[in-house]
Protein backbone atom coordinates (compact mmCIF):
# COMPACT_ATOMS: atom_id res chain seq x y z
CA MET A 1 2.00 -61.82 -35.15
CA PHE A 2 0.43 -61.51 -31.67
CA LEU A 3 2.12 -58.31 -30.54
CA LYS A 4 1.34 -56.32 -33.68
CA PRO A 5 -2.56 -55.61 -32.72
CA PHE A 6 -1.22 -54.92 -29.03
CA LEU A 7 1.72 -52.34 -30.20
CA ILE A 8 -0.64 -50.21 -32.72
CA ALA A 9 -3.38 -50.01 -29.54
CA PHE A 10 -0.67 -48.52 -27.51
CA ALA A 11 0.51 -46.31 -30.21
CA ALA A 12 -3.24 -44.96 -30.43
CA LEU A 13 -2.94 -44.23 -26.65
CA ALA A 14 -0.07 -42.67 -26.48
CA LEU A 15 -1.24 -40.35 -29.64
CA ALA A 16 -4.24 -39.34 -28.09
CA GLY A 17 -2.77 -38.67 -25.01
CA CYS A 18 -0.25 -36.14 -27.14
CA ASN A 19 -3.79 -34.28 -28.29
CA ILE A 20 -5.30 -34.16 -25.12
CA GLY A 21 -2.17 -31.89 -23.69
CA GLN A 22 -1.76 -30.23 -27.02
CA ASP A 23 -5.75 -29.53 -26.94
CA ARG A 24 -5.31 -27.31 -23.78
CA ASP A 25 -6.84 -23.63 -23.84
CA PRO A 26 -4.29 -21.14 -24.46
CA GLY A 27 -3.99 -18.30 -22.01
CA ILE A 28 -5.19 -14.72 -22.64
CA GLY A 29 -3.35 -13.48 -19.99
CA GLU A 30 -1.94 -13.75 -16.45
CA ALA A 31 -2.49 -12.81 -12.95
CA PHE A 32 -1.03 -13.16 -9.54
CA VAL A 33 -2.82 -14.51 -6.12
CA GLY A 34 -3.26 -11.73 -3.68
CA PRO A 35 -4.66 -13.36 -0.39
CA ALA A 36 -2.42 -16.07 1.28
CA THR A 37 -4.66 -19.03 0.48
CA LEU A 38 -7.04 -19.01 -2.76
CA ASN A 39 -9.58 -21.63 -3.63
CA LEU A 40 -9.89 -22.08 -6.91
CA ARG A 41 -13.87 -23.22 -8.06
CA LYS A 42 -15.32 -25.47 -10.45
CA ASP A 43 -17.75 -23.17 -11.55
CA ILE A 44 -18.77 -19.58 -11.38
CA ASP A 45 -20.20 -19.78 -7.76
CA PRO A 46 -18.00 -19.20 -4.42
CA LYS A 47 -19.93 -22.39 -2.99
CA ALA A 48 -19.25 -24.38 -5.73
CA PRO A 49 -16.82 -27.27 -5.17
CA VAL A 50 -12.87 -26.47 -4.85
CA ALA A 51 -10.98 -27.32 -7.97
CA GLY A 52 -7.40 -26.31 -6.93
CA VAL A 53 -5.78 -24.06 -3.74
CA VAL A 54 -3.11 -21.72 -4.75
CA HIS A 55 -1.27 -19.06 -2.40
CA HIS A 56 0.00 -15.83 -2.45
CA GLY A 57 2.12 -14.89 -5.25
CA ASP A 58 1.48 -17.89 -7.78
CA ARG A 59 1.51 -17.15 -10.95
CA LEU A 60 -1.97 -18.08 -12.96
CA GLU A 61 -2.58 -18.32 -16.42
CA ILE A 62 -6.37 -16.81 -17.57
CA LEU A 63 -7.88 -18.80 -20.05
CA GLY A 64 -11.43 -17.11 -19.78
CA GLN A 65 -13.43 -14.13 -18.16
CA ARG A 66 -17.40 -13.91 -17.49
CA ARG A 67 -18.19 -10.38 -16.21
CA ARG A 68 -15.99 -10.50 -12.54
CA TRP A 69 -15.16 -14.06 -12.87
CA TYR A 70 -11.87 -15.51 -14.28
CA ARG A 71 -11.20 -18.93 -15.39
CA VAL A 72 -7.04 -19.63 -14.36
CA ARG A 73 -5.18 -22.70 -14.67
CA THR A 74 -2.10 -23.03 -12.10
CA PRO A 75 1.47 -23.94 -13.15
CA LYS A 76 0.79 -27.36 -12.10
CA GLY A 77 -2.56 -27.37 -14.67
CA ALA A 78 -5.18 -27.43 -12.30
CA GLU A 79 -8.19 -24.95 -13.48
CA GLY A 80 -10.93 -23.36 -11.82
CA TRP A 81 -13.04 -20.12 -11.58
CA THR A 82 -12.12 -17.02 -8.60
CA ASP A 83 -13.36 -13.56 -8.55
CA ASP A 84 -11.18 -10.94 -9.83
CA ARG A 85 -10.78 -9.12 -6.60
CA GLN A 86 -8.09 -12.04 -5.49
CA LEU A 87 -6.03 -11.35 -8.28
CA MET A 88 -3.13 -8.90 -8.62
CA ASP A 89 -1.75 -7.76 -12.29
CA THR A 90 1.71 -7.50 -12.57
CA ALA A 91 2.40 -3.67 -11.77
CA GLN A 92 0.66 -4.70 -8.55
CA MET A 93 2.87 -7.76 -7.88
CA ASN A 94 6.04 -5.23 -8.53
CA ARG A 95 4.94 -3.10 -6.30
CA LEU A 96 4.27 -5.22 -3.75
CA ARG A 97 7.61 -6.30 -3.86
CA ALA A 98 8.90 -2.95 -4.35
CA LEU A 99 7.16 -2.28 -0.80
CA SER A 100 9.21 -5.09 0.85
CA LYS A 101 12.18 -4.29 -0.22
CA GLY A 102 12.19 -0.17 0.80
CA ALA A 103 10.54 -1.12 3.44
CA ALA A 104 13.23 -3.66 4.60
CA ASP A 105 16.02 -0.92 5.63
CA LEU A 106 13.72 2.04 6.98
CA PRO A 107 13.72 2.71 10.62
CA SER A 108 11.19 1.45 12.77
CA GLN A 109 9.19 3.54 14.71
CA GLY A 110 8.30 1.25 17.20
CA ILE A 111 6.67 -1.95 18.37
CA ALA A 112 2.79 -2.19 18.09
CA THR A 113 0.27 -4.92 18.42
CA ALA A 114 -3.29 -5.81 17.42
CA PHE A 115 -6.02 -7.37 19.88
CA ASP A 116 -7.51 -8.75 17.67
CA VAL A 117 -6.88 -11.06 13.78
CA LEU A 118 -5.11 -8.04 11.56
CA ASN A 119 -5.56 -8.20 7.65
CA VAL A 120 -2.66 -6.86 5.84
CA HIS A 121 -3.27 -5.49 2.66
CA THR A 122 -0.79 -4.92 -0.49
CA GLU A 123 -1.91 -1.62 -1.00
CA PRO A 124 -3.27 1.31 1.24
CA ASN A 125 -6.79 0.34 -0.28
CA ARG A 126 -9.64 -1.39 1.41
CA GLN A 127 -10.38 -3.29 -1.76
CA SER A 128 -6.73 -4.36 -2.22
CA ALA A 129 -5.96 -8.08 -1.67
CA SER A 130 -5.35 -9.22 2.23
CA PHE A 131 -2.67 -11.00 1.87
CA LEU A 132 -1.10 -11.72 4.97
CA GLN A 133 -2.93 -12.27 8.39
CA VAL A 134 -0.95 -10.94 12.12
CA ALA A 135 -2.27 -13.12 14.97
CA ALA A 136 -4.06 -11.18 18.12
CA GLY A 137 -1.09 -10.39 20.32
CA GLU A 138 1.52 -10.37 17.80
CA LYS A 139 4.11 -7.50 17.78
CA PHE A 140 5.28 -5.88 14.63
CA ASP A 141 7.20 -2.69 13.43
CA VAL A 142 5.53 0.16 12.44
CA VAL A 143 7.38 2.12 9.52
CA ALA A 144 5.47 4.73 7.79
CA HIS A 145 2.15 6.30 7.89
CA ARG A 146 -0.41 7.77 5.18
CA VAL A 147 -3.81 9.30 4.80
CA LEU A 148 -5.73 8.54 1.81
CA PRO A 149 -8.90 9.19 -0.08
CA ARG A 150 -11.11 5.70 -0.12
CA THR A 151 -11.06 5.37 -3.78
CA ARG A 152 -11.57 2.45 -6.06
CA LEU A 153 -8.81 0.23 -7.14
CA PRO A 154 -7.49 1.44 -10.48
CA LYS A 155 -8.61 -0.64 -13.51
CA ARG A 156 -5.92 -3.42 -13.84
CA GLN A 157 -5.56 -5.15 -17.18
CA LEU A 158 -5.09 -9.10 -16.41
CA VAL A 159 -6.41 -9.87 -20.13
CA VAL A 160 -3.85 -9.14 -23.06
CA PRO A 161 -6.10 -6.61 -25.38
CA ARG A 162 -7.63 -8.31 -28.79
CA PRO A 163 -6.33 -6.38 -31.36
CA LYS A 164 -9.20 -4.66 -33.76
CA SER A 165 -10.70 -6.37 -36.28
CA GLU A 166 -11.46 -4.12 -39.20
CA GLY A 167 -15.10 -4.41 -39.24
CA LYS A 168 -17.08 -3.95 -42.08
CA LYS A 169 -15.53 -2.54 -45.22
CA GLY A 170 -16.58 1.09 -46.16
CA LYS A 171 -18.32 2.64 -49.31
CA LYS A 172 -15.59 2.84 -52.34
CA LYS A 173 -14.25 6.32 -52.72
CA GLY A 174 -16.89 8.26 -55.18
CA GLN A 175 -19.52 5.74 -54.18
CA SER A 176 -22.32 8.21 -52.55
CA SER A 177 -26.02 7.64 -51.78
CA LEU A 178 -28.84 8.16 -54.22
CA LEU A 179 -30.62 10.81 -51.19
CA PRO A 180 -28.89 13.83 -49.49
CA PRO A 181 -28.42 13.44 -45.87
CA LEU A 182 -30.98 15.39 -43.81
CA PRO A 183 -30.30 18.55 -42.38
CA PRO A 184 -29.52 18.57 -38.38
CA PRO A 185 -31.78 19.76 -36.24
CA VAL A 186 -32.21 23.41 -35.10
CA PRO A 187 -30.64 22.91 -31.24
CA PRO A 188 -32.62 24.63 -29.21
CA GLY A 189 -32.46 28.21 -27.39
CA PRO A 190 -31.62 29.13 -24.08
CA PRO A 191 -34.21 29.38 -21.32
CA PRO A 192 -35.83 32.86 -20.83
CA ASP A 193 -33.85 33.16 -17.37
CA TRP A 194 -30.65 31.80 -18.21
CA VAL A 195 -28.84 34.94 -16.77
CA ALA A 196 -30.58 34.35 -13.26
CA LEU A 197 -29.52 30.80 -13.59
CA SER A 198 -26.19 31.34 -14.17
CA LYS A 199 -25.65 33.53 -11.15
CA GLU A 200 -27.07 30.83 -8.47
CA ARG A 201 -24.71 28.62 -9.74
CA SER A 202 -22.19 30.94 -9.49
CA ARG A 203 -22.85 31.65 -5.77
CA ALA A 204 -22.97 28.00 -4.95
CA PRO A 205 -20.48 27.41 -1.98
CA GLU A 206 -17.74 24.60 -2.37
CA GLU A 207 -17.83 24.17 0.82
CA ASN A 208 -21.18 22.58 1.25
CA LEU A 209 -20.02 19.73 -0.63
CA PRO A 210 -19.66 16.51 1.67
CA PRO A 211 -16.36 15.67 2.25
CA ALA A 212 -14.59 13.01 0.68
CA ALA A 213 -14.15 9.78 2.76
CA GLN A 214 -10.58 9.34 4.02
CA ASP A 215 -8.66 6.37 5.41
CA ASP A 216 -5.45 6.31 8.08
CA TRP A 217 -3.17 3.47 7.32
CA THR A 218 0.08 2.47 8.56
CA LEU A 219 2.96 0.62 6.97
CA ILE A 220 4.01 -2.18 9.11
CA ARG A 221 6.88 -4.88 9.05
CA THR A 222 6.39 -8.33 10.29
CA HIS A 223 9.62 -10.24 12.52
CA ALA A 224 9.48 -12.72 8.97
CA GLY A 225 10.24 -9.75 6.83
CA GLN A 226 7.10 -8.92 5.05
CA SER A 227 5.93 -5.62 4.61
CA GLY A 228 1.73 -4.43 3.82
CA TRP A 229 -0.70 -1.51 4.73
CA VAL A 230 -3.25 -1.86 7.85
CA LEU A 231 -5.77 0.45 8.96
CA THR A 232 -4.26 2.56 11.85
CA SER A 233 -7.30 2.52 13.73
CA ARG A 234 -6.22 -1.49 14.55
CA VAL A 235 -2.51 -0.91 15.71
CA TYR A 236 -1.90 -0.04 19.14
CA MET A 237 1.84 0.84 20.40
CA ALA A 238 3.20 -1.74 22.94
CA ILE A 239 4.56 0.91 25.19
CA PRO A 240 4.64 0.08 28.68
CA ASP A 241 1.37 1.43 30.26
CA GLU A 242 3.37 2.94 33.27
CA VAL A 243 4.12 5.69 30.18
CA ALA A 244 1.29 5.52 28.02
CA GLN A 245 -0.97 6.49 30.85
CA TYR A 246 0.15 10.37 30.05
CA ALA A 247 -1.21 10.31 26.52
CA GLU A 248 -4.15 12.61 27.84
CA GLY A 249 -6.20 11.29 25.15
CA HIS A 250 -3.74 11.30 22.44
CA ARG A 251 -2.83 8.60 19.69
CA ILE A 252 0.89 7.52 20.20
CA THR A 253 2.35 7.30 16.86
CA SER A 254 5.90 6.32 17.43
CA TYR A 255 8.20 5.76 20.87
CA PHE A 256 12.16 4.92 21.64
CA GLN A 257 14.41 4.58 24.36
CA LEU A 258 16.93 7.04 24.51
CA GLY A 259 19.02 5.19 27.51
CA LYS A 260 18.06 4.21 30.86
CA VAL A 261 18.33 5.27 34.45
CA ASP A 262 19.68 2.84 37.33
CA ASP A 263 16.87 3.29 40.73
CA GLY A 264 18.55 0.77 42.88
CA GLY A 265 19.42 -1.84 40.90
CA GLU A 266 16.50 -1.58 38.16
CA GLN A 267 17.01 -0.11 35.37
CA LYS A 268 14.27 2.11 34.03
CA PRO A 269 14.47 3.32 30.50
CA ILE A 270 14.05 6.92 29.43
CA TRP A 271 11.43 7.20 26.53
CA LEU A 272 10.76 9.55 23.59
CA TRP A 273 7.39 9.04 21.92
CA THR A 274 5.31 11.45 19.41
CA THR A 275 1.43 11.50 19.41
CA ALA A 276 -1.36 12.94 17.26
CA THR A 277 -4.73 14.49 17.70
CA GLY A 278 -6.54 11.90 16.18
CA LEU A 279 -6.32 10.19 13.02
CA GLY A 280 -6.66 11.22 9.64
CA GLU A 281 -4.44 14.01 9.94
CA ASP A 282 -1.82 14.79 6.97
CA HIS A 283 1.07 14.65 9.07
CA ASP A 284 2.24 11.94 11.32
CA PHE A 285 2.29 13.56 14.58
CA ASP A 286 1.70 17.05 16.05
CA GLY A 287 3.95 16.71 19.22
CA TYR A 288 6.70 14.68 20.84
CA ARG A 289 7.72 14.37 24.92
CA VAL A 290 10.37 12.69 26.45
CA PHE A 291 9.97 11.17 30.08
CA THR A 292 12.68 10.37 32.51
CA TRP A 293 12.65 8.38 35.38
CA ASN A 294 12.79 10.16 39.14
CA THR A 295 14.67 8.26 41.26
CA ARG A 296 13.44 10.06 44.61
CA ARG A 297 10.01 9.83 43.72
CA HIS A 298 10.31 6.66 41.67
CA ARG A 299 7.77 7.78 38.93
CA TYR A 300 8.13 8.95 35.20
CA GLU A 301 8.52 12.79 34.69
CA THR A 302 8.28 14.60 31.59
CA ALA A 303 12.19 16.35 30.83
CA TYR A 304 11.21 17.61 27.38
CA ILE A 305 7.87 18.64 25.61
CA GLN A 306 6.85 20.26 22.55
CA ARG A 307 3.20 20.63 21.22
CA ARG A 308 0.96 22.46 17.95
CA GLU A 309 3.73 21.03 15.58
CA ARG A 310 3.66 19.20 12.22
CA GLY A 311 5.99 16.37 12.28
CA PHE A 312 6.90 13.42 9.67
CA PHE A 313 8.39 10.41 10.03
CA PRO A 314 11.25 8.87 10.23
CA VAL A 315 11.97 10.00 13.70
CA LEU A 316 15.50 8.99 14.39
CA ALA A 317 16.77 7.97 17.70
CA LYS A 318 19.61 6.33 19.45
CA THR A 319 21.29 6.08 22.83
CA GLY A 320 21.86 9.65 23.90
CA GLU A 321 19.71 11.40 21.24
CA PHE A 322 17.14 12.08 18.61
CA SER A 323 15.93 14.12 15.83
CA VAL A 324 12.51 15.15 14.61
CA CYS A 325 11.51 16.45 10.99
CA LEU A 326 9.48 19.33 11.31
CA GLU A 327 7.24 21.58 9.03
CA ARG A 328 7.37 25.17 9.71
CA GLU A 329 4.56 27.92 8.81
CA ASP A 330 6.56 28.74 5.26
CA GLY A 331 6.36 24.96 4.43
CA VAL A 332 9.95 24.33 4.49
CA ARG A 333 10.96 21.15 6.59
CA ILE A 334 13.66 20.99 8.91
CA ARG A 335 15.17 18.09 10.88
CA LYS A 336 15.57 19.44 14.72
CA GLN A 337 18.25 17.30 16.77
CA TYR A 338 18.50 16.79 20.15
CA THR A 339 20.92 15.26 22.68
CA LEU A 340 20.44 14.21 26.23
CA VAL A 341 22.53 15.61 29.36
CA GLY A 342 21.84 13.33 32.16
CA ASN A 343 17.89 14.16 32.47
CA ALA A 344 17.69 17.18 30.61
CA VAL A 345 16.81 17.72 26.55
CA ARG A 346 19.09 19.98 24.89
CA ALA A 347 18.64 21.52 21.55
CA ALA A 348 21.85 20.35 19.41
CA GLY A 349 21.05 22.41 15.92
CA GLU A 350 18.83 21.80 12.71
CA ARG A 351 19.14 21.07 9.44
CA PRO A 352 16.96 21.01 6.07
CA CYS A 353 14.70 17.73 6.16
CA GLU A 354 13.60 16.88 2.14
CA LYS A 355 10.00 16.49 1.76
CA PRO A 356 9.13 12.73 0.45
CA GLN A 357 8.15 12.08 -3.10
CA ASP A 358 4.64 10.78 -3.04
CA GLU A 359 4.26 6.97 -3.75
CA ASN A 360 2.31 7.32 -6.88
CA ASP A 361 5.14 9.23 -8.68
CA ALA A 362 7.00 5.85 -9.49
CA PRO A 363 6.02 4.27 -12.50
CA ASP A 364 4.24 0.41 -12.53
CA ASP A 365 6.38 -0.73 -15.70
CA ALA A 366 10.07 0.43 -14.54
CA THR A 367 12.48 -1.70 -15.29
CA THR A 368 13.56 -3.74 -12.13
CA ASP A 369 15.00 -6.57 -10.69
CA ASN A 370 11.57 -8.06 -9.77
CA SER A 371 11.53 -6.05 -6.63
CA ALA A 372 10.22 -2.76 -8.43
CA HIS A 373 9.74 0.28 -6.48
CA ILE A 374 13.17 1.21 -6.15
CA THR A 375 13.52 1.38 -10.18
CA LEU A 376 16.29 1.92 -12.42
CA HIS A 377 14.92 4.74 -14.63
CA SER A 378 16.60 6.50 -17.48
CA ALA A 379 15.20 9.52 -17.46
CA PRO A 380 16.60 12.25 -14.82
CA PRO A 381 15.64 12.74 -12.10
CA PRO A 382 14.75 9.54 -11.12
CA LYS A 383 11.69 9.02 -8.97
CA VAL A 384 12.25 6.86 -6.23
CA GLY A 385 8.76 6.77 -4.53
CA PHE A 386 7.52 7.20 -1.33
CA LEU A 387 9.62 4.47 0.45
CA GLY A 388 12.48 5.16 -1.66
CA GLY A 389 12.71 8.67 -0.64
CA LEU A 390 12.38 7.59 3.22
CA LYS A 391 15.40 5.41 2.58
CA ALA A 392 17.68 7.89 1.00
CA ARG A 393 17.09 10.17 3.73
CA VAL A 394 17.88 8.06 6.66
CA LYS A 395 20.96 6.70 4.57
CA GLY A 396 22.02 10.21 4.36
CA LEU A 397 21.45 11.09 8.31
CA PHE A 398 23.04 8.14 9.30
CA GLY A 399 26.32 8.68 6.61
CA LYS A 400 25.62 5.20 5.16
């Protein structure tokens, strides 16, 4: 008798809890967290209290949108607001996964560092999310280089578009208005001096237009295996100062050890480097140079130097030999090979060096294994993208 009211009350509470779980707002889209750590806010205000904390790559369910703010729900059920610049759509996430997979097998073009905290971006664009930070003085590999115009990120689709409503029903067939439509107005005639105006416009030189702003980007790979894009101006190649002092104001873009020279029991590396005149060039380097150690004078000296070239990564080097990809005046790219004989550098032939495809040629929605840039396409020929082309060329050169 006394347990019956208690059981009824317990059942009512249980049903109420079930209804609360079923009344959750349905999702209207999905997104992924861009930054390394993101605070979700309880209101549309960057200073509002924190409703939850999520991390890079976490999947979020989008519940609503107000201008550039989205209300999202985490897999654990926490809900909050965030700025759309902190979110990535599925295509962006696939490109980032493909970037890390493609860059993992590419040869390093040298070890670099930064003098301050370095923001690593998901894409070579200032507006893309910074998902990783490299600490000041931390070492990382330089993998590739690109120069792109400074543009806005393309529009992303975070919310599933709603189906178009039929709207108001139109008039029935055969039904017409009682009054005939008004005739369209007469278009205005040309100005009396239209011939002179046309000549002035045709004489306007295109070279007077202001040049579009560009950014110079470097693809890096951390020791943990993460890859992303950083501004090249923040990167410093970690070649020893006793060699870097001969850069003559040029920027060192890559460097390698070709061997060692014994000087009274001390091992002095033989260095190869590539340099560029400045930032913003449409190639990766314009000169390369080999330094050997003079055991009589106990200093580095130039064993080989080549300037005024148009060179492209990757530079391939190992003990006693190296090769560089250069573009001739007719636009054909060749790979020149060199061998090291003692302290002398000798040419060892050349062969074609394929021009890599642009990264933007790869589709965003190709079928992949969730590491999308080297994709599985059904239509020939497959587009392997910027990193995919580099990876294929490197495998071919090493015979792997």
